[in-house]
Amino acid sequence: MAAKLVQHLATGRRKTATARVFLRPGKGQITVNHRPFDNYFANESARAYVRQPLLATEMADRFDVLILADGGGVTGQAGAARMGIARALIEFNTELRGKLKQLGFLTRDAREHERKKYGQKGARKRFQFSKR
């Protein structure tokens, strides 16, 4: 009989991006869409953003993290991954909730892209008004 895989699953969202996060016992390796973490998130700020919940709870070397990100861009996916990791850590240990909530990792950023309106140049910008 095969050994049961112990993992903690959570979902994070930001803008139009969604990230499913799987926390598995391991040595701290992070994989995004079956690619190495450093290859997927090219800029250091996005990588630091994703690692924040793990570093805040001092769990960075206890779990291997598998992230399946979809939709949006690099920033949105990094934000979704951060929220997913925080939620998965709470599933692992509910006592971490207070610290993660205080740091703002559990708050869904509700800001979305505003759509372009018809008869206008953009969402807010108008065509130049001509009096004569």
Protein backbone atom coordinates (compact mmCIF):
# COMPACT_ATOMS: atom_id res chain seq x y z
CA MET A 1 0.00 0.00 0.00
CA ALA A 2 1.35 3.43 -1.01
CA ALA A 3 2.10 5.99 1.68
CA LYS A 4 -0.41 8.84 1.84
CA LEU A 5 0.96 12.16 0.59
CA VAL A 6 0.60 14.84 3.27
CA GLN A 7 -0.02 18.25 1.72
CA HIS A 8 -1.92 21.42 2.47
CA LEU A 9 -3.86 23.05 -0.36
CA ALA A 10 -5.04 26.68 -0.63
CA THR A 11 -6.02 29.16 -3.32
CA GLY A 12 -4.99 32.80 -3.62
CA ARG A 13 -6.26 35.48 -5.99
CA ARG A 14 -5.06 38.94 -7.07
CA LYS A 15 -6.35 41.03 -10.01
CA THR A 16 -7.20 38.37 -12.63
CA ALA A 17 -4.56 35.88 -11.42
CA THR A 18 -5.27 32.70 -9.49
CA ALA A 19 -2.71 30.52 -7.73
CA ARG A 20 -3.29 27.05 -6.31
CA VAL A 21 -0.67 26.36 -3.66
CA PHE A 22 0.40 22.95 -2.36
CA LEU A 23 2.57 22.83 0.78
CA ARG A 24 4.41 19.54 1.17
CA PRO A 25 6.97 18.60 3.81
CA GLY A 26 10.44 19.22 2.37
CA LYS A 27 13.52 21.41 2.35
CA GLY A 28 12.17 24.74 1.09
CA GLN A 29 12.14 24.24 -2.68
CA ILE A 30 9.58 26.38 -4.57
CA THR A 31 8.24 25.37 -8.00
CA VAL A 32 5.88 27.50 -10.11
CA ASN A 33 4.01 25.84 -13.02
CA HIS A 34 6.56 22.97 -12.99
CA ARG A 35 9.41 25.46 -13.49
CA PRO A 36 12.10 26.57 -11.02
CA PHE A 37 11.06 29.55 -8.87
CA ASP A 38 13.95 31.76 -10.05
CA ASN A 39 13.15 31.12 -13.74
CA TYR A 40 9.43 31.87 -13.41
CA PHE A 41 9.67 35.10 -11.38
CA ALA A 42 12.52 36.96 -13.07
CA ASN A 43 12.58 40.05 -10.81
CA GLU A 44 13.73 39.83 -7.21
CA SER A 45 10.83 41.91 -5.87
CA ALA A 46 8.27 39.33 -7.06
CA ARG A 47 10.33 36.49 -5.54
CA ALA A 48 10.60 38.33 -2.21
CA TYR A 49 6.85 39.05 -2.28
CA VAL A 50 6.04 35.35 -2.67
CA ARG A 51 8.41 34.30 0.15
CA GLN A 52 7.05 36.79 2.72
CA PRO A 53 4.55 34.48 4.51
CA LEU A 54 7.12 31.67 4.79
CA LEU A 55 9.79 33.98 6.21
CA ALA A 56 7.37 35.71 8.60
CA THR A 57 6.31 32.38 10.12
CA GLU A 58 9.86 30.89 9.93
CA MET A 59 8.62 27.93 7.84
CA ALA A 60 10.78 28.55 4.75
CA ASP A 61 12.94 25.43 5.23
CA ARG A 62 10.15 23.09 6.38
CA PHE A 63 8.00 22.93 3.23
CA ASP A 64 8.37 22.39 -0.49
CA VAL A 65 5.91 24.69 -2.25
CA LEU A 66 4.23 23.82 -5.56
CA ILE A 67 2.38 26.77 -7.12
CA LEU A 68 0.07 26.45 -10.12
CA ALA A 69 -0.50 30.04 -11.29
CA ASP A 70 -2.96 31.06 -13.99
CA GLY A 71 -4.14 34.36 -15.49
CA GLY A 72 -2.94 37.91 -15.03
CA GLY A 73 0.67 39.04 -15.12
CA VAL A 74 3.78 38.62 -13.01
CA THR A 75 2.68 40.97 -10.20
CA GLY A 76 -0.82 39.51 -9.99
CA GLN A 77 0.48 35.95 -9.91
CA ALA A 78 3.03 36.84 -7.22
CA GLY A 79 0.28 38.40 -5.09
CA ALA A 80 -1.98 35.39 -5.63
CA ALA A 81 0.84 33.02 -4.68
CA ARG A 82 1.57 35.00 -1.50
CA MET A 83 -2.07 34.80 -0.42
CA GLY A 84 -2.26 31.09 -1.28
CA ILE A 85 0.87 30.30 0.76
CA ALA A 86 -0.52 32.23 3.74
CA ARG A 87 -3.83 30.34 3.54
CA ALA A 88 -2.04 26.99 3.22
CA LEU A 89 0.08 27.79 6.30
CA ILE A 90 -3.14 28.42 8.26
CA GLU A 91 -4.46 25.05 7.09
CA PHE A 92 -1.24 23.53 8.45
CA ASN A 93 -1.37 25.41 11.77
CA THR A 94 -4.31 27.64 12.75
CA GLU A 95 -2.23 29.42 15.42
CA LEU A 96 -0.35 31.25 12.63
CA ARG A 97 -3.54 33.07 11.60
CA GLY A 98 -3.08 36.02 13.98
CA LYS A 99 0.42 36.86 12.78
CA LEU A 100 -0.43 36.42 9.07
CA LYS A 101 -3.59 38.51 9.42
CA GLN A 102 -1.72 41.27 11.27
CA LEU A 103 0.85 41.43 8.44
CA GLY A 104 -1.98 41.64 5.87
CA PHE A 105 -1.25 38.41 3.99
CA LEU A 106 -4.85 37.17 4.27
CA THR A 107 -6.52 40.30 2.88
CA ARG A 108 -7.73 40.00 -0.72
CA ASP A 109 -6.63 43.06 -2.70
CA ALA A 110 -9.92 44.00 -4.37
CA ARG A 111 -8.44 46.44 -6.91
CA GLU A 112 -9.27 45.35 -10.44
CA HIS A 113 -8.63 46.76 -13.92
CA GLU A 114 -11.39 49.18 -14.93
CA ARG A 115 -12.85 48.54 -18.35
CA LYS A 116 -12.70 50.96 -21.28
CA LYS A 117 -16.01 52.77 -21.91
CA TYR A 118 -17.55 53.24 -25.35
CA GLY A 119 -17.22 56.72 -26.88
CA GLN A 120 -14.12 57.34 -24.79
CA LYS A 121 -10.39 56.90 -25.23
CA GLY A 122 -10.00 54.73 -22.12
CA ALA A 123 -11.55 53.92 -18.75
CA ARG A 124 -11.36 57.54 -17.54
CA LYS A 125 -9.69 59.51 -20.37
CA ARG A 126 -11.99 61.39 -22.76
CA PHE A 127 -11.44 62.64 -26.27
CA GLN A 128 -10.50 66.34 -26.37
CA PHE A 129 -13.55 68.64 -26.23
CA SER A 130 -13.82 71.15 -29.08
CA LYS A 131 -16.09 74.13 -28.49
CA ARG A 132 -16.00 75.29 -32.14
